[in-house]
Amino acid sequence: MGRPLWQVKILKKFYKNSKYYPWLLKVPILTKIFQDYAKDDKIFYLTKDRVIKVNQSIDKHEEMILPSKIVEIFIKRAKYLWILNECFCRDAIKCKKYPIDLGCLFLGEAVLDINPLLGRLVTQQEALDHVKACREAGLIHQIGRNRVDAFWLNVGPENKLMTICSCCECCCLAKISINAPPKIKAATKKMPGVEIEVTEHCIGCGRCTQSICPFNAISLVNNRSHISEDCHACGRCIEICPNNAIKLNILDTKFADIIIKDLELIMDIG
């Protein structure tokens, strides 16, 4: 049985007060619970397609699957697809920058137990249209196994619920991860084989530090943008830079194959 609406409303109020997360994660017993809960999770943040398209660091784009295709591959494999009526995070925080009605897409048998008041079953084409609309709105795809979603939706089994979120800086996983211990942070990953680099063209204008990065991974150091190891290579800073001073380096064009194989090992959505 899916989670009742009154409980969802309580969870949203808790998430709205994310300023308390750093304090909660300093409580040893809570940290252990969170670590045990997240240990089997694996969620990949996908670099935006448009960032890869404008980058000229590789010679054979035709041999590389764009990140959005990873999402489409799993949509076409899934027997059951479910779209939430609204984004939990953007609705809780009352986001003004991105559409609240572009909710998460869930794949797999577990969606059949989601409270029907929260969303609806959709066709494959509806799901494909939905993720396209999310990309056009400027949102970032993340895909994988997230036990937090199985918990708040109150569904299972967890390996039969794949999450495809389309996120902005309101993202719940990012907000939790920013202050989390390494074992909790490890559940959220950037695409393998890519990195973001600040070039010599950076003039330290600070535009990329103004609520752009979901993980707060970019800051000004000595009047120059600095990207920390918390970067998930989504590419939003590249898009926003007025001087084209941030670039994406593709170190392995087979990143899609790696992600697909990793998720196949822990998910069953057929």
C-alpha atoms as a PDB file:
ATOM      1  CA  MET A   1       0.000   0.000   0.000  1.00  0.00           C
ATOM      2  CA  GLY A   2       1.414   3.364  -1.003  1.00  0.00           C
ATOM      3  CA  ARG A   3       2.038   6.139   1.486  1.00  0.00           C
ATOM      4  CA  PRO A   4      -1.037   8.236   2.429  1.00  0.00           C
ATOM      5  CA  LEU A   5      -1.102  11.894   1.404  1.00  0.00           C
ATOM      6  CA  TRP A   6      -1.084  13.162   4.994  1.00  0.00           C
ATOM      7  CA  GLN A   7       2.224  11.401   5.619  1.00  0.00           C
ATOM      8  CA  VAL A   8       3.669  12.787   2.381  1.00  0.00           C
ATOM      9  CA  LYS A   9       2.795  16.291   3.564  1.00  0.00           C
ATOM     10  CA  ILE A  10       4.686  15.704   6.824  1.00  0.00           C
ATOM     11  CA  LEU A  11       7.735  14.466   4.903  1.00  0.00           C
ATOM     12  CA  LYS A  12       7.644  17.574   2.724  1.00  0.00           C
ATOM     13  CA  LYS A  13       7.651  19.804   5.804  1.00  0.00           C
ATOM     14  CA  PHE A  14      10.690  17.943   7.106  1.00  0.00           C
ATOM     15  CA  TYR A  15      12.494  18.348   3.798  1.00  0.00           C
ATOM     16  CA  LYS A  16      11.639  22.048   3.668  1.00  0.00           C
ATOM     17  CA  ASN A  17      13.732  22.491   6.819  1.00  0.00           C
ATOM     18  CA  SER A  18      16.897  21.108   5.227  1.00  0.00           C
ATOM     19  CA  LYS A  19      18.982  23.620   7.196  1.00  0.00           C
ATOM     20  CA  TYR A  20      18.828  21.099  10.045  1.00  0.00           C
ATOM     21  CA  TYR A  21      20.452  18.273   8.018  1.00  0.00           C
ATOM     22  CA  PRO A  22      24.031  19.133   9.059  1.00  0.00           C
ATOM     23  CA  TRP A  23      23.012  18.879  12.714  1.00  0.00           C
ATOM     24  CA  LEU A  24      21.208  15.566  12.206  1.00  0.00           C
ATOM     25  CA  LEU A  25      24.195  14.069  10.396  1.00  0.00           C
ATOM     26  CA  LYS A  26      26.409  14.810  13.415  1.00  0.00           C
ATOM     27  CA  VAL A  27      24.358  12.458  15.593  1.00  0.00           C
ATOM     28  CA  PRO A  28      26.251   9.109  15.452  1.00  0.00           C
ATOM     29  CA  ILE A  29      23.239   6.816  15.631  1.00  0.00           C
ATOM     30  CA  LEU A  30      21.432   8.751  12.896  1.00  0.00           C
ATOM     31  CA  THR A  31      24.536   8.756  10.720  1.00  0.00           C
ATOM     32  CA  LYS A  32      24.793   4.978  11.059  1.00  0.00           C
ATOM     33  CA  ILE A  33      21.132   4.548  10.111  1.00  0.00           C
ATOM     34  CA  PHE A  34      21.562   6.755   7.048  1.00  0.00           C
ATOM     35  CA  GLN A  35      24.752   4.912   6.030  1.00  0.00           C
ATOM     36  CA  ASP A  36      23.148   1.492   6.370  1.00  0.00           C
ATOM     37  CA  TYR A  37      20.144   2.696   4.423  1.00  0.00           C
ATOM     38  CA  ALA A  38      22.180   4.108   1.548  1.00  0.00           C
ATOM     39  CA  LYS A  39      24.856   1.412   1.273  1.00  0.00           C
ATOM     40  CA  ASP A  40      23.140  -0.473  -1.568  1.00  0.00           C
ATOM     41  CA  ASP A  41      22.094   2.638  -3.480  1.00  0.00           C
ATOM     42  CA  LYS A  42      23.619   3.874  -6.702  1.00  0.00           C
ATOM     43  CA  ILE A  43      22.353   7.049  -8.355  1.00  0.00           C
ATOM     44  CA  PHE A  44      24.121   8.625 -11.324  1.00  0.00           C
ATOM     45  CA  TYR A  45      23.836  12.333 -12.133  1.00  0.00           C
ATOM     46  CA  LEU A  46      23.899  12.602 -15.912  1.00  0.00           C
ATOM     47  CA  THR A  47      25.793  15.360 -17.681  1.00  0.00           C
ATOM     48  CA  LYS A  48      23.546  17.508 -19.852  1.00  0.00           C
ATOM     49  CA  ASP A  49      23.486  16.564 -23.538  1.00  0.00           C
ATOM     50  CA  ARG A  50      23.917  20.124 -24.746  1.00  0.00           C
ATOM     51  CA  VAL A  51      27.162  20.479 -22.802  1.00  0.00           C
ATOM     52  CA  ILE A  52      28.634  17.464 -24.573  1.00  0.00           C
ATOM     53  CA  LYS A  53      27.403  18.599 -27.985  1.00  0.00           C
ATOM     54  CA  VAL A  54      29.191  21.938 -27.829  1.00  0.00           C
ATOM     55  CA  ASN A  55      32.399  20.449 -26.536  1.00  0.00           C
ATOM     56  CA  GLN A  56      34.998  19.547 -29.162  1.00  0.00           C
ATOM     57  CA  SER A  57      37.407  17.546 -27.004  1.00  0.00           C
ATOM     58  CA  ILE A  58      36.678  14.222 -28.693  1.00  0.00           C
ATOM     59  CA  ASP A  59      36.852  13.318 -32.361  1.00  0.00           C
ATOM     60  CA  LYS A  60      34.146  10.702 -32.778  1.00  0.00           C
ATOM     61  CA  HIS A  61      30.858  11.832 -31.246  1.00  0.00           C
ATOM     62  CA  GLU A  62      28.999   9.338 -33.395  1.00  0.00           C
ATOM     63  CA  GLU A  63      30.540   6.488 -31.384  1.00  0.00           C
ATOM     64  CA  MET A  64      29.312   7.911 -28.083  1.00  0.00           C
ATOM     65  CA  ILE A  65      25.854   7.521 -26.546  1.00  0.00           C
ATOM     66  CA  LEU A  66      24.587  10.824 -25.153  1.00  0.00           C
ATOM     67  CA  PRO A  67      23.535  10.774 -21.467  1.00  0.00           C
ATOM     68  CA  SER A  68      19.816  11.183 -22.246  1.00  0.00           C
ATOM     69  CA  LYS A  69      19.923   7.912 -24.192  1.00  0.00           C
ATOM     70  CA  ILE A  70      20.693   6.051 -20.951  1.00  0.00           C
ATOM     71  CA  VAL A  71      17.349   7.226 -19.606  1.00  0.00           C
ATOM     72  CA  GLU A  72      15.567   6.305 -22.819  1.00  0.00           C
ATOM     73  CA  ILE A  73      17.096   2.811 -22.865  1.00  0.00           C
ATOM     74  CA  PHE A  74      15.658   1.975 -19.443  1.00  0.00           C
ATOM     75  CA  ILE A  75      12.296   3.548 -20.272  1.00  0.00           C
ATOM     76  CA  LYS A  76      12.034   1.250 -23.291  1.00  0.00           C
ATOM     77  CA  ARG A  77      12.921  -1.780 -21.163  1.00  0.00           C
ATOM     78  CA  ALA A  78      10.470  -1.158 -18.327  1.00  0.00           C
ATOM     79  CA  LYS A  79       7.100  -2.869 -18.210  1.00  0.00           C
ATOM     80  CA  TYR A  80       5.591  -0.333 -15.819  1.00  0.00           C
ATOM     81  CA  LEU A  81       6.191   3.428 -15.813  1.00  0.00           C
ATOM     82  CA  TRP A  82       4.816   5.997 -13.378  1.00  0.00           C
ATOM     83  CA  ILE A  83       5.031   9.809 -13.342  1.00  0.00           C
ATOM     84  CA  LEU A  84       4.449  11.815 -10.173  1.00  0.00           C
ATOM     85  CA  ASN A  85       2.050  14.733 -10.449  1.00  0.00           C
ATOM     86  CA  GLU A  86       4.701  17.067  -9.061  1.00  0.00           C
ATOM     87  CA  CYS A  87       8.323  17.181  -7.988  1.00  0.00           C
ATOM     88  CA  PHE A  88       8.519  16.441  -4.258  1.00  0.00           C
ATOM     89  CA  CYS A  89      11.542  18.710  -3.760  1.00  0.00           C
ATOM     90  CA  ARG A  90      10.420  21.698  -5.826  1.00  0.00           C
ATOM     91  CA  ASP A  91       6.959  21.590  -4.301  1.00  0.00           C
ATOM     92  CA  ALA A  92       8.315  21.400  -0.742  1.00  0.00           C
ATOM     93  CA  ILE A  93      10.636  24.374  -1.250  1.00  0.00           C
ATOM     94  CA  LYS A  94       8.176  26.214  -3.545  1.00  0.00           C
ATOM     95  CA  CYS A  95      10.734  26.518  -6.312  1.00  0.00           C
ATOM     96  CA  LYS A  96      10.190  29.533  -8.570  1.00  0.00           C
ATOM     97  CA  LYS A  97      12.792  28.769 -11.239  1.00  0.00           C
ATOM     98  CA  TYR A  98      11.635  25.408 -12.621  1.00  0.00           C
ATOM     99  CA  PRO A  99       8.258  23.690 -13.206  1.00  0.00           C
ATOM    100  CA  ILE A 100       6.885  21.947 -10.128  1.00  0.00           C
ATOM    101  CA  ASP A 101       4.615  19.746 -12.236  1.00  0.00           C
ATOM    102  CA  LEU A 102       7.545  17.903 -13.845  1.00  0.00           C
ATOM    103  CA  GLY A 103       7.699  15.109 -11.286  1.00  0.00           C
ATOM    104  CA  CYS A 104       9.907  12.065 -10.955  1.00  0.00           C
ATOM    105  CA  LEU A 105       9.528   9.116 -13.296  1.00  0.00           C
ATOM    106  CA  PHE A 106       9.609   5.675 -11.675  1.00  0.00           C
ATOM    107  CA  LEU A 107      10.150   2.366 -13.462  1.00  0.00           C
ATOM    108  CA  GLY A 108       9.495  -1.211 -12.426  1.00  0.00           C
ATOM    109  CA  GLU A 109       6.909  -3.443 -10.803  1.00  0.00           C
ATOM    110  CA  ALA A 110       7.022  -1.568  -7.487  1.00  0.00           C
ATOM    111  CA  VAL A 111       5.236   1.431  -9.054  1.00  0.00           C
ATOM    112  CA  LEU A 112       1.990  -0.548  -8.955  1.00  0.00           C
ATOM    113  CA  ASP A 113       1.825   0.081  -5.194  1.00  0.00           C
ATOM    114  CA  ILE A 114       2.313   3.870  -5.351  1.00  0.00           C
ATOM    115  CA  ASN A 115      -0.625   5.850  -3.969  1.00  0.00           C
ATOM    116  CA  PRO A 116      -2.688   6.658  -7.119  1.00  0.00           C
ATOM    117  CA  LEU A 117      -3.338  10.166  -5.795  1.00  0.00           C
ATOM    118  CA  LEU A 118       0.364  10.964  -6.251  1.00  0.00           C
ATOM    119  CA  GLY A 119       0.591  10.298  -9.980  1.00  0.00           C
ATOM    120  CA  ARG A 120      -0.313   7.925 -12.768  1.00  0.00           C
ATOM    121  CA  LEU A 121       0.799   5.000 -14.876  1.00  0.00           C
ATOM    122  CA  VAL A 122       1.966   6.149 -18.307  1.00  0.00           C
ATOM    123  CA  THR A 123       2.845   4.694 -21.670  1.00  0.00           C
ATOM    124  CA  GLN A 124       6.372   4.430 -22.968  1.00  0.00           C
ATOM    125  CA  GLN A 125       5.815   7.386 -25.301  1.00  0.00           C
ATOM    126  CA  GLU A 126       4.387   9.508 -22.481  1.00  0.00           C
ATOM    127  CA  ALA A 127       7.472   8.743 -20.415  1.00  0.00           C
ATOM    128  CA  LEU A 128       9.783   9.681 -23.283  1.00  0.00           C
ATOM    129  CA  ASP A 129       7.890  12.927 -23.840  1.00  0.00           C
ATOM    130  CA  HIS A 130       8.106  13.678 -20.119  1.00  0.00           C
ATOM    131  CA  VAL A 131      11.881  13.355 -19.858  1.00  0.00           C
ATOM    132  CA  LYS A 132      12.285  15.405 -23.024  1.00  0.00           C
ATOM    133  CA  ALA A 133      10.176  18.174 -21.468  1.00  0.00           C
ATOM    134  CA  CYS A 134      12.357  17.989 -18.344  1.00  0.00           C
ATOM    135  CA  ARG A 135      15.532  18.452 -20.389  1.00  0.00           C
ATOM    136  CA  GLU A 136      14.022  21.342 -22.329  1.00  0.00           C
ATOM    137  CA  ALA A 137      13.182  23.021 -19.011  1.00  0.00           C
ATOM    138  CA  GLY A 138      16.876  22.876 -18.059  1.00  0.00           C
ATOM    139  CA  LEU A 139      16.629  20.083 -15.490  1.00  0.00           C
ATOM    140  CA  ILE A 140      19.308  17.467 -14.813  1.00  0.00           C
ATOM    141  CA  HIS A 141      18.542  13.747 -15.061  1.00  0.00           C
ATOM    142  CA  GLN A 142      19.608  11.359 -12.352  1.00  0.00           C
ATOM    143  CA  ILE A 143      18.959   7.655 -12.591  1.00  0.00           C
ATOM    144  CA  GLY A 144      19.391   4.642 -10.368  1.00  0.00           C
ATOM    145  CA  ARG A 145      18.348   2.880  -7.201  1.00  0.00           C
ATOM    146  CA  ASN A 146      17.360   5.210  -4.372  1.00  0.00           C
ATOM    147  CA  ARG A 147      15.966   3.651  -1.200  1.00  0.00           C
ATOM    148  CA  VAL A 148      14.785   7.067  -0.025  1.00  0.00           C
ATOM    149  CA  ASP A 149      12.182   6.975  -2.796  1.00  0.00           C
ATOM    150  CA  ALA A 150      11.083   3.458  -1.856  1.00  0.00           C
ATOM    151  CA  PHE A 151      10.732   4.707   1.735  1.00  0.00           C
ATOM    152  CA  TRP A 152       8.727   7.877   1.154  1.00  0.00           C
ATOM    153  CA  LEU A 153       6.512   6.180  -1.418  1.00  0.00           C
ATOM    154  CA  ASN A 154       6.234   3.124   0.889  1.00  0.00           C
ATOM    155  CA  VAL A 155       6.694   0.608  -1.922  1.00  0.00           C
ATOM    156  CA  GLY A 156       8.948  -2.312  -2.737  1.00  0.00           C
ATOM    157  CA  PRO A 157      10.860  -4.422  -3.397  1.00  0.00           C
ATOM    158  CA  GLU A 158      13.539  -1.758  -3.711  1.00  0.00           C
ATOM    159  CA  ASN A 159      15.351  -3.413  -6.606  1.00  0.00           C
ATOM    160  CA  LYS A 160      12.146  -3.126  -8.640  1.00  0.00           C
ATOM    161  CA  LEU A 161      11.851   0.637  -8.315  1.00  0.00           C
ATOM    162  CA  MET A 162      14.163   2.628 -10.574  1.00  0.00           C
ATOM    163  CA  THR A 163      14.184   6.389 -10.066  1.00  0.00           C
ATOM    164  CA  ILE A 164      14.578   8.861 -12.911  1.00  0.00           C
ATOM    165  CA  CYS A 165      14.533  12.311 -11.342  1.00  0.00           C
ATOM    166  CA  SER A 166      14.955  15.566 -13.206  1.00  0.00           C
ATOM    167  CA  CYS A 167      16.584  17.950 -10.777  1.00  0.00           C
ATOM    168  CA  CYS A 168      17.566  21.538 -10.132  1.00  0.00           C
ATOM    169  CA  GLU A 169      19.339  23.052  -7.127  1.00  0.00           C
ATOM    170  CA  CYS A 170      16.331  22.004  -4.975  1.00  0.00           C
ATOM    171  CA  CYS A 171      17.356  18.336  -5.291  1.00  0.00           C
ATOM    172  CA  CYS A 172      16.907  16.433  -2.026  1.00  0.00           C
ATOM    173  CA  LEU A 173      19.811  14.052  -2.645  1.00  0.00           C
ATOM    174  CA  ALA A 174      22.168  16.942  -3.293  1.00  0.00           C
ATOM    175  CA  LYS A 175      21.079  18.802  -0.171  1.00  0.00           C
ATOM    176  CA  ILE A 176      21.575  15.726   1.995  1.00  0.00           C
ATOM    177  CA  SER A 177      24.854  14.770   0.321  1.00  0.00           C
ATOM    178  CA  ILE A 178      26.493  18.188   0.788  1.00  0.00           C
ATOM    179  CA  ASN A 179      26.945  17.642   4.534  1.00  0.00           C
ATOM    180  CA  ALA A 180      26.955  13.854   4.589  1.00  0.00           C
ATOM    181  CA  PRO A 181      29.803  11.485   5.556  1.00  0.00           C
ATOM    182  CA  PRO A 182      31.672   9.798   2.686  1.00  0.00           C
ATOM    183  CA  LYS A 183      29.704   6.539   2.863  1.00  0.00           C
ATOM    184  CA  ILE A 184      26.437   8.403   2.322  1.00  0.00           C
ATOM    185  CA  LYS A 185      27.888  10.653  -0.372  1.00  0.00           C
ATOM    186  CA  ALA A 186      29.094   7.569  -2.238  1.00  0.00           C
ATOM    187  CA  ALA A 187      25.520   6.670  -3.219  1.00  0.00           C
ATOM    188  CA  THR A 188      25.322   9.625  -5.613  1.00  0.00           C
ATOM    189  CA  LYS A 189      27.829   9.556  -8.449  1.00  0.00           C
ATOM    190  CA  LYS A 190      28.850  11.557 -11.464  1.00  0.00           C
ATOM    191  CA  MET A 191      29.121   9.876 -14.831  1.00  0.00           C
ATOM    192  CA  PRO A 192      32.338   7.862 -15.113  1.00  0.00           C
ATOM    193  CA  GLY A 193      34.881   9.172 -17.586  1.00  0.00           C
ATOM    194  CA  VAL A 194      33.995  12.869 -17.437  1.00  0.00           C
ATOM    195  CA  GLU A 195      35.385  15.864 -15.574  1.00  0.00           C
ATOM    196  CA  ILE A 196      34.734  19.591 -15.362  1.00  0.00           C
ATOM    197  CA  GLU A 197      37.674  21.966 -15.713  1.00  0.00           C
ATOM    198  CA  VAL A 198      38.051  25.699 -15.123  1.00  0.00           C
ATOM    199  CA  THR A 199      40.279  27.166 -17.837  1.00  0.00           C
ATOM    200  CA  GLU A 200      42.595  30.173 -17.937  1.00  0.00           C
ATOM    201  CA  HIS A 201      39.725  32.256 -19.346  1.00  0.00           C
ATOM    202  CA  CYS A 202      38.061  32.484 -15.909  1.00  0.00           C
ATOM    203  CA  ILE A 203      37.944  36.102 -14.680  1.00  0.00           C
ATOM    204  CA  GLY A 204      36.355  35.339 -11.308  1.00  0.00           C
ATOM    205  CA  CYS A 205      32.979  36.938 -12.044  1.00  0.00           C
ATOM    206  CA  GLY A 206      31.286  34.501  -9.641  1.00  0.00           C
ATOM    207  CA  ARG A 207      28.279  33.779 -11.848  1.00  0.00           C
ATOM    208  CA  CYS A 208      28.793  30.024 -11.513  1.00  0.00           C
ATOM    209  CA  THR A 209      28.652  30.235  -7.708  1.00  0.00           C
ATOM    210  CA  GLN A 210      25.200  31.851  -7.548  1.00  0.00           C
ATOM    211  CA  SER A 211      22.887  28.929  -6.702  1.00  0.00           C
ATOM    212  CA  ILE A 212      23.844  27.086  -9.873  1.00  0.00           C
ATOM    213  CA  CYS A 213      25.486  23.910  -8.603  1.00  0.00           C
ATOM    214  CA  PRO A 214      23.153  21.494  -6.758  1.00  0.00           C
ATOM    215  CA  PHE A 215      26.117  20.233  -4.717  1.00  0.00           C
ATOM    216  CA  ASN A 216      27.679  23.625  -3.909  1.00  0.00           C
ATOM    217  CA  ALA A 217      30.830  22.251  -5.510  1.00  0.00           C
ATOM    218  CA  ILE A 218      32.038  25.486  -7.097  1.00  0.00           C
ATOM    219  CA  SER A 219      33.368  28.552  -5.307  1.00  0.00           C
ATOM    220  CA  LEU A 220      35.739  31.470  -5.782  1.00  0.00           C
ATOM    221  CA  VAL A 221      39.294  30.929  -4.575  1.00  0.00           C
ATOM    222  CA  ASN A 222      41.791  33.732  -5.174  1.00  0.00           C
ATOM    223  CA  ASN A 223      39.371  35.406  -7.622  1.00  0.00           C
ATOM    224  CA  ARG A 224      39.055  32.275  -9.712  1.00  0.00           C
ATOM    225  CA  SER A 225      36.391  29.569  -9.866  1.00  0.00           C
ATOM    226  CA  HIS A 226      37.402  26.395  -8.076  1.00  0.00           C
ATOM    227  CA  ILE A 227      35.602  23.059  -8.476  1.00  0.00           C
ATOM    228  CA  SER A 228      35.732  20.672  -5.515  1.00  0.00           C
ATOM    229  CA  GLU A 229      35.608  16.889  -5.481  1.00  0.00           C
ATOM    230  CA  ASP A 230      31.871  17.131  -4.743  1.00  0.00           C
ATOM    231  CA  CYS A 231      31.281  18.038  -8.406  1.00  0.00           C
ATOM    232  CA  HIS A 232      28.882  15.646 -10.157  1.00  0.00           C
ATOM    233  CA  ALA A 233      29.666  16.976 -13.661  1.00  0.00           C
ATOM    234  CA  CYS A 234      26.096  17.963 -14.484  1.00  0.00           C
ATOM    235  CA  GLY A 235      27.355  20.828 -16.656  1.00  0.00           C
ATOM    236  CA  ARG A 236      25.172  23.645 -15.333  1.00  0.00           C
ATOM    237  CA  CYS A 237      28.220  25.789 -14.566  1.00  0.00           C
ATOM    238  CA  ILE A 238      29.399  25.357 -18.164  1.00  0.00           C
ATOM    239  CA  GLU A 239      26.073  26.617 -19.504  1.00  0.00           C
ATOM    240  CA  ILE A 240      25.973  29.642 -17.222  1.00  0.00           C
ATOM    241  CA  CYS A 241      29.570  30.864 -17.629  1.00  0.00           C
ATOM    242  CA  PRO A 242      29.537  34.148 -19.626  1.00  0.00           C
ATOM    243  CA  ASN A 243      33.155  33.716 -20.685  1.00  0.00           C
ATOM    244  CA  ASN A 244      33.113  30.046 -21.753  1.00  0.00           C
ATOM    245  CA  ALA A 245      35.778  29.505 -19.124  1.00  0.00           C
ATOM    246  CA  ILE A 246      34.536  26.117 -17.899  1.00  0.00           C
ATOM    247  CA  LYS A 247      34.723  23.025 -20.067  1.00  0.00           C
ATOM    248  CA  LEU A 248      33.876  19.359 -20.003  1.00  0.00           C
ATOM    249  CA  ASN A 249      36.605  16.796 -20.618  1.00  0.00           C
ATOM    250  CA  ILE A 250      35.460  13.370 -21.810  1.00  0.00           C
ATOM    251  CA  LEU A 251      38.022  10.793 -20.730  1.00  0.00           C
ATOM    252  CA  ASP A 252      36.023   7.703 -21.649  1.00  0.00           C
ATOM    253  CA  THR A 253      33.347   7.732 -24.360  1.00  0.00           C
ATOM    254  CA  LYS A 254      31.977   4.407 -23.048  1.00  0.00           C
ATOM    255  CA  PHE A 255      30.490   6.011 -19.929  1.00  0.00           C
ATOM    256  CA  ALA A 256      26.966   4.959 -20.946  1.00  0.00           C
ATOM    257  CA  ASP A 257      27.929   1.282 -21.147  1.00  0.00           C
ATOM    258  CA  ILE A 258      29.445   1.462 -17.666  1.00  0.00           C
ATOM    259  CA  ILE A 259      26.344   3.053 -16.143  1.00  0.00           C
ATOM    260  CA  ILE A 260      23.943   0.651 -17.850  1.00  0.00           C
ATOM    261  CA  LYS A 261      25.900  -2.416 -16.691  1.00  0.00           C
ATOM    262  CA  ASP A 262      26.154  -1.086 -13.129  1.00  0.00           C
ATOM    263  CA  LEU A 263      22.411  -0.490 -12.894  1.00  0.00           C
ATOM    264  CA  GLU A 264      21.555  -3.821 -14.484  1.00  0.00           C
ATOM    265  CA  LEU A 265      23.355  -5.550 -11.597  1.00  0.00           C
ATOM    266  CA  ILE A 266      21.176  -3.956  -8.913  1.00  0.00           C
ATOM    267  CA  MET A 267      17.851  -3.305 -10.684  1.00  0.00           C
ATOM    268  CA  ASP A 268      15.099  -5.519 -12.123  1.00  0.00           C
ATOM    269  CA  ILE A 269      12.566  -3.401 -14.023  1.00  0.00           C
ATOM    270  CA  GLY A 270      11.619  -5.771 -16.826  1.00  0.00           C
END
